[in-house]
Amino acid sequence: MSFKSGYVALIGAPNVGKSTLLNALLGQKISIVSSRPQTTRNRILGVKHVPGGQFIFLDTPGILEPKGILNKTITQIALKSLSEVNLIIVLIEPFSVQPSIPNDLLSRLVKTKPPVFLAINKIDLIDKRSLLPLIQQASQWSLFQEIIPISALTGEGLEELEKCIRQTLPEGPPYFPEDMVTDLPERFLVGELIREKIFRLISQEVPYGVAVTVETFREREDKPIIDIQATIHVERTSQKGILIGKQGKTLKSIGLQAREDMEILLGTKVFLELWVRVEKDWGKNPKFLRKFGIEEPM
């Protein structure tokens, strides 16, 4: 049997379920998820090993109308992936008869060389009879090689999606070792888990002005424990107060939930310490974007 391998970009508007789909395809969590749009800021690589193949998925930030340097940078990261892959999967939601795809993305897809799939996600939330008009509308564009209804949350349709991916990817070698699921360092992943908990626990706009740096990541020599010290950076003093909360309760909850996920990710006990620091208007400063690991647009 020939070996199939290649890069697959997951792309679409904010909050369509790209990170949930990546985690479901891999069978484990490497990309953070929240119910709020624009949670993902960086391109996340995940490797799925299957008999006779290796699928390398790129979870990209949601594409939006960029306002400000941070959103412009995030959108550029997503669009850049289109030229680097063997297959593009565009995700949309099924809540409208007309497929909702950002205009900037649509114009790029028309010019792109890799084949393009359309994955209609969240079908567990609708009456399946409403899918037909949406599929018919999407078919009129003559843009998509496959149109596949799925639910990343329940797993419905994922077997068919993987089958189509295997049929479409070229023959090639395995690019990563069999025990490798992502190329991201553990320091980055634990920082993302902290940011995820902020998105889930803070209901205001504060999470969009937050970045996380992991200052210390050290395994103890005498005990199976990893000591992690991290700083949560905010843009204003008022945000710092919200994150810490009354008597430090909010920050404690963020740390507790993040630590539980870190221990699952790392397979060992974790001792986590968090601080909050004000970096005034960091989202408008290219120097801070680089410091916090967010790529600048080319």
Protein backbone atom coordinates (compact mmCIF):
# COMPACT_ATOMS: atom_id res chain seq x y z
CA MET A 1 0.00 0.00 0.00
CA SER A 2 1.31 3.47 -0.86
CA PHE A 3 1.95 5.92 1.99
CA LYS A 4 -0.14 9.11 1.92
CA SER A 5 1.08 12.24 3.70
CA GLY A 6 0.71 16.00 3.56
CA TYR A 7 -0.30 19.25 5.21
CA VAL A 8 -3.96 20.16 5.74
CA ALA A 9 -5.03 23.69 6.72
CA LEU A 10 -8.18 24.14 8.83
CA ILE A 11 -9.47 27.60 8.06
CA GLY A 12 -12.59 29.75 8.43
CA ALA A 13 -14.26 32.54 10.37
CA PRO A 14 -13.79 32.87 14.14
CA ASN A 15 -15.58 30.36 16.36
CA VAL A 16 -16.56 27.84 13.66
CA GLY A 17 -14.89 24.98 15.55
CA LYS A 18 -11.43 24.62 13.98
CA SER A 19 -9.66 23.91 17.28
CA THR A 20 -12.39 21.49 18.38
CA LEU A 21 -12.03 19.66 15.06
CA LEU A 22 -8.25 19.43 15.36
CA ASN A 23 -8.49 17.97 18.87
CA ALA A 24 -11.17 15.51 17.73
CA LEU A 25 -9.11 14.33 14.74
CA LEU A 26 -6.02 13.82 16.91
CA GLY A 27 -7.89 12.20 19.78
CA GLN A 28 -6.26 14.53 22.29
CA LYS A 29 -6.17 18.20 23.17
CA ILE A 30 -3.37 20.37 21.80
CA SER A 31 -5.37 23.43 20.71
CA ILE A 32 -7.24 25.53 23.24
CA VAL A 33 -10.99 25.92 22.92
CA SER A 34 -13.55 28.40 24.21
CA SER A 35 -17.03 29.48 23.18
CA ARG A 36 -15.66 32.92 22.28
CA PRO A 37 -14.27 33.86 18.86
CA GLN A 38 -10.59 34.51 18.13
CA THR A 39 -9.26 32.31 20.94
CA THR A 40 -6.51 30.87 18.70
CA ARG A 41 -3.76 33.38 17.85
CA ASN A 42 -0.97 31.21 16.49
CA ARG A 43 -0.87 28.45 13.93
CA ILE A 44 -1.09 25.11 15.76
CA LEU A 45 0.35 21.99 14.12
CA GLY A 46 -1.05 18.56 14.94
CA VAL A 47 0.05 15.20 13.48
CA LYS A 48 -2.36 12.29 13.02
CA HIS A 49 -0.73 8.92 12.41
CA VAL A 50 -2.87 6.39 10.54
CA PRO A 51 -2.01 3.04 8.91
CA GLY A 52 -0.31 3.92 5.63
CA GLY A 53 -0.49 7.66 6.17
CA GLN A 54 0.31 10.78 8.12
CA PHE A 55 -2.00 13.80 8.15
CA ILE A 56 -0.44 17.06 9.34
CA PHE A 57 -3.14 19.53 10.37
CA LEU A 58 -2.66 23.27 10.79
CA ASP A 59 -5.25 24.90 13.05
CA THR A 60 -5.28 28.56 12.04
CA PRO A 61 -6.69 31.67 13.76
CA GLY A 62 -10.15 32.74 12.65
CA ILE A 63 -10.22 35.12 9.71
CA LEU A 64 -11.91 38.44 10.43
CA GLU A 65 -11.95 42.04 9.24
CA PRO A 66 -8.69 43.17 10.85
CA LYS A 67 -8.82 46.21 13.12
CA GLY A 68 -5.57 47.07 14.84
CA ILE A 69 -2.14 45.49 14.60
CA LEU A 70 -2.99 42.43 16.73
CA ASN A 71 -6.01 41.37 14.63
CA LYS A 72 -4.13 42.16 11.41
CA THR A 73 -1.27 39.94 12.54
CA ILE A 74 -3.61 37.11 13.53
CA THR A 75 -5.44 37.24 10.18
CA GLN A 76 -2.17 37.25 8.23
CA ILE A 77 -1.03 34.13 10.11
CA ALA A 78 -4.18 32.34 8.96
CA LEU A 79 -4.02 33.44 5.32
CA LYS A 80 -0.32 32.62 5.03
CA SER A 81 -1.12 28.93 5.58
CA LEU A 82 -2.98 28.70 2.27
CA SER A 83 0.24 28.66 0.25
CA GLU A 84 1.99 26.05 2.39
CA VAL A 85 -0.36 23.05 2.30
CA ASN A 86 -1.55 20.11 0.19
CA LEU A 87 -5.23 20.50 1.14
CA ILE A 88 -7.46 23.25 2.57
CA ILE A 89 -10.52 22.50 4.68
CA VAL A 90 -12.85 25.49 5.08
CA LEU A 91 -15.18 25.24 8.07
CA ILE A 92 -18.55 26.96 8.20
CA GLU A 93 -21.59 26.82 10.47
CA PRO A 94 -24.94 25.49 9.20
CA PHE A 95 -27.13 28.28 10.56
CA SER A 96 -27.72 30.06 7.24
CA VAL A 97 -28.86 28.93 3.79
CA GLN A 98 -26.04 31.00 2.29
CA PRO A 99 -22.52 29.74 3.16
CA SER A 100 -20.83 32.34 5.37
CA ILE A 101 -17.20 32.67 4.25
CA PRO A 102 -15.18 35.88 4.80
CA ASN A 103 -14.70 37.75 1.51
CA ASP A 104 -10.93 37.98 1.89
CA LEU A 105 -10.73 34.20 2.32
CA LEU A 106 -13.10 33.53 -0.57
CA SER A 107 -11.07 35.64 -3.00
CA ARG A 108 -7.90 33.80 -2.00
CA LEU A 109 -9.49 30.38 -2.35
CA VAL A 110 -10.49 31.13 -5.93
CA LYS A 111 -6.79 31.65 -6.77
CA THR A 112 -5.34 28.86 -4.63
CA LYS A 113 -3.71 25.74 -6.06
CA PRO A 114 -4.40 23.08 -3.38
CA PRO A 115 -7.78 21.28 -3.47
CA VAL A 116 -10.41 22.72 -1.13
CA PHE A 117 -12.98 20.89 1.01
CA LEU A 118 -15.97 22.50 2.69
CA ALA A 119 -16.77 21.07 6.13
CA ILE A 120 -20.17 22.12 7.44
CA ASN A 121 -19.61 21.88 11.19
CA LYS A 122 -22.00 21.79 14.18
CA ILE A 123 -24.64 19.70 12.41
CA ASP A 124 -25.58 18.27 15.81
CA LEU A 125 -27.28 21.63 16.49
CA ILE A 126 -29.67 21.67 13.51
CA ASP A 127 -32.44 19.79 11.76
CA LYS A 128 -30.56 17.76 9.14
CA ARG A 129 -33.19 18.64 6.51
CA SER A 130 -31.81 22.20 6.44
CA LEU A 131 -28.45 20.93 5.16
CA LEU A 132 -29.57 20.28 1.60
CA PRO A 133 -30.14 23.93 0.55
CA LEU A 134 -26.81 24.90 2.12
CA ILE A 135 -24.98 22.15 0.21
CA GLN A 136 -26.74 23.17 -3.00
CA GLN A 137 -25.69 26.80 -2.53
CA ALA A 138 -22.07 25.83 -1.83
CA SER A 139 -22.00 23.52 -4.88
CA GLN A 140 -22.81 26.44 -7.17
CA TRP A 141 -19.42 28.00 -6.45
CA SER A 142 -17.59 25.07 -8.13
CA LEU A 143 -14.84 25.70 -5.62
CA PHE A 144 -15.04 22.68 -3.34
CA GLN A 145 -13.82 19.19 -4.26
CA GLU A 146 -15.81 17.76 -1.35
CA ILE A 147 -18.65 19.12 0.81
CA ILE A 148 -18.88 17.15 4.07
CA PRO A 149 -21.32 17.75 6.96
CA ILE A 150 -19.64 17.07 10.31
CA SER A 151 -19.86 17.59 14.04
CA ALA A 152 -16.43 18.07 15.59
CA LEU A 153 -18.10 17.85 19.00
CA THR A 154 -19.85 14.48 18.55
CA GLY A 155 -17.58 12.97 15.89
CA GLU A 156 -20.34 12.62 13.28
CA GLY A 157 -18.93 12.72 9.74
CA LEU A 158 -15.28 12.64 10.81
CA GLU A 159 -14.72 9.14 9.42
CA GLU A 160 -15.93 10.32 6.00
CA LEU A 161 -13.76 13.45 6.27
CA GLU A 162 -10.65 11.37 7.03
CA LYS A 163 -11.45 9.04 4.13
CA CYS A 164 -11.61 11.99 1.72
CA ILE A 165 -8.38 13.43 3.14
CA ARG A 166 -6.56 10.13 2.53
CA GLN A 167 -7.85 9.96 -1.04
CA THR A 168 -6.75 13.53 -1.78
CA LEU A 169 -3.30 13.78 -0.18
CA PRO A 170 -0.33 12.82 -2.37
CA GLU A 171 1.98 9.89 -1.85
CA GLY A 172 4.89 10.90 0.30
CA PRO A 173 7.09 10.04 3.28
CA PRO A 174 6.21 10.45 6.96
CA TYR A 175 7.40 13.92 7.97
CA PHE A 176 7.34 13.34 11.74
CA PRO A 177 8.21 10.44 14.08
CA GLU A 178 5.34 8.14 15.06
CA ASP A 179 5.32 9.33 18.69
CA MET A 180 5.09 13.03 17.76
CA VAL A 181 1.68 14.73 17.89
CA THR A 182 2.77 18.38 17.65
CA ASP A 183 5.93 20.40 17.06
CA LEU A 184 5.00 22.91 19.75
CA PRO A 185 7.13 23.06 22.89
CA GLU A 186 5.51 22.17 26.19
CA ARG A 187 6.14 25.71 27.48
CA PHE A 188 3.92 27.09 24.72
CA LEU A 189 1.17 24.54 25.36
CA VAL A 190 0.96 25.24 29.10
CA GLY A 191 0.86 28.98 28.40
CA GLU A 192 -2.06 28.41 26.05
CA LEU A 193 -3.91 26.40 28.73
CA ILE A 194 -3.66 29.38 31.07
CA ARG A 195 -5.03 31.68 28.36
CA GLU A 196 -7.89 29.25 27.68
CA LYS A 197 -8.99 29.36 31.32
CA ILE A 198 -8.99 33.16 31.21
CA PHE A 199 -11.30 33.04 28.18
CA ARG A 200 -13.61 30.64 29.98
CA LEU A 201 -13.69 32.33 33.38
CA ILE A 202 -13.63 36.04 32.49
CA SER A 203 -16.82 37.18 30.79
CA GLN A 204 -15.70 40.67 29.81
CA GLU A 205 -13.36 41.77 26.99
CA VAL A 206 -10.33 41.27 29.24
CA PRO A 207 -9.18 37.97 27.59
CA TYR A 208 -8.55 39.75 24.27
CA GLY A 209 -6.03 42.01 26.02
CA VAL A 210 -4.17 39.13 27.67
CA ALA A 211 -0.92 37.36 26.79
CA VAL A 212 0.94 34.69 28.78
CA THR A 213 4.65 34.02 29.12
CA VAL A 214 6.04 30.97 30.92
CA GLU A 215 9.02 32.15 32.95
CA THR A 216 9.99 28.82 34.54
CA PHE A 217 9.40 25.22 33.44
CA ARG A 218 11.56 22.92 35.55
CA GLU A 219 11.36 19.26 36.55
CA ARG A 220 12.34 18.58 40.16
CA GLU A 221 15.22 16.18 40.65
CA ASP A 222 13.86 14.59 43.85
CA LYS A 223 10.14 14.30 42.97
CA PRO A 224 8.01 13.69 39.86
CA ILE A 225 6.77 17.29 39.87
CA ILE A 226 7.16 20.09 37.31
CA ASP A 227 7.41 23.63 38.68
CA ILE A 228 5.84 26.20 36.35
CA GLN A 229 5.86 29.95 36.88
CA ALA A 230 3.96 32.11 34.42
CA THR A 231 3.09 35.77 33.95
CA ILE A 232 -0.26 36.98 32.63
CA HIS A 233 0.26 40.27 30.79
CA VAL A 234 -2.62 42.76 30.53
CA GLU A 235 -2.92 46.16 28.86
CA ARG A 236 -4.51 48.16 31.70
CA THR A 237 -4.48 48.26 35.50
CA SER A 238 -8.26 47.73 35.60
CA GLN A 239 -7.79 44.41 33.77
CA LYS A 240 -5.27 43.31 36.37
CA GLY A 241 -7.86 43.81 39.12
CA ILE A 242 -10.47 41.79 37.24
CA LEU A 243 -8.05 38.90 36.66
CA ILE A 244 -6.94 38.74 40.28
CA GLY A 245 -10.47 39.12 41.65
CA LYS A 246 -11.61 39.69 45.20
CA GLN A 247 -9.03 38.25 47.60
CA GLY A 248 -7.30 36.64 44.61
CA LYS A 249 -10.14 34.17 44.00
CA THR A 250 -10.34 34.60 40.22
CA LEU A 251 -6.62 34.11 39.69
CA LYS A 252 -6.73 31.08 41.99
CA SER A 253 -9.53 29.54 39.88
CA ILE A 254 -7.59 30.19 36.66
CA GLY A 255 -4.53 28.50 38.16
CA LEU A 256 -6.46 25.51 39.52
CA GLN A 257 -8.20 24.71 36.23
CA ALA A 258 -5.05 25.30 34.17
CA ARG A 259 -3.00 23.05 36.47
CA GLU A 260 -5.49 20.18 36.11
CA ASP A 261 -5.18 20.29 32.32
CA MET A 262 -1.39 20.65 32.51
CA GLU A 263 -1.14 17.47 34.57
CA ILE A 264 -3.15 15.59 31.92
CA LEU A 265 -0.96 17.04 29.14
CA LEU A 266 2.36 16.40 30.89
CA GLY A 267 1.45 13.15 32.67
CA THR A 268 2.81 14.31 36.02
CA LYS A 269 2.07 16.56 38.99
CA VAL A 270 2.45 20.30 38.45
CA PHE A 271 3.13 23.12 40.90
CA LEU A 272 1.88 26.31 39.23
CA GLU A 273 2.47 29.93 40.24
CA LEU A 274 0.84 32.85 38.40
CA TRP A 275 1.51 36.59 38.39
CA VAL A 276 -0.29 39.43 36.61
CA ARG A 277 1.68 42.31 35.07
CA VAL A 278 0.53 45.44 33.20
CA GLU A 279 2.17 46.01 29.79
CA LYS A 280 0.37 49.13 28.60
CA ASP A 281 -1.32 48.67 25.16
CA TRP A 282 0.88 45.69 24.31
CA GLY A 283 -1.50 44.65 21.51
CA LYS A 284 -0.53 47.76 19.53
CA ASN A 285 3.21 47.26 19.94
CA PRO A 286 5.11 45.00 17.47
CA LYS A 287 7.87 44.52 20.06
CA PHE A 288 5.43 42.95 22.51
CA LEU A 289 3.80 40.85 19.79
CA ARG A 290 7.20 39.30 19.09
CA LYS A 291 7.88 38.87 22.81
CA PHE A 292 4.60 37.03 23.27
CA GLY A 293 5.23 34.72 20.30
CA ILE A 294 2.68 36.25 17.90
CA GLU A 295 4.17 36.45 14.39
CA GLU A 296 4.17 39.74 12.53
CA PRO A 297 2.55 39.89 9.07
CA MET A 298 4.96 39.76 6.16
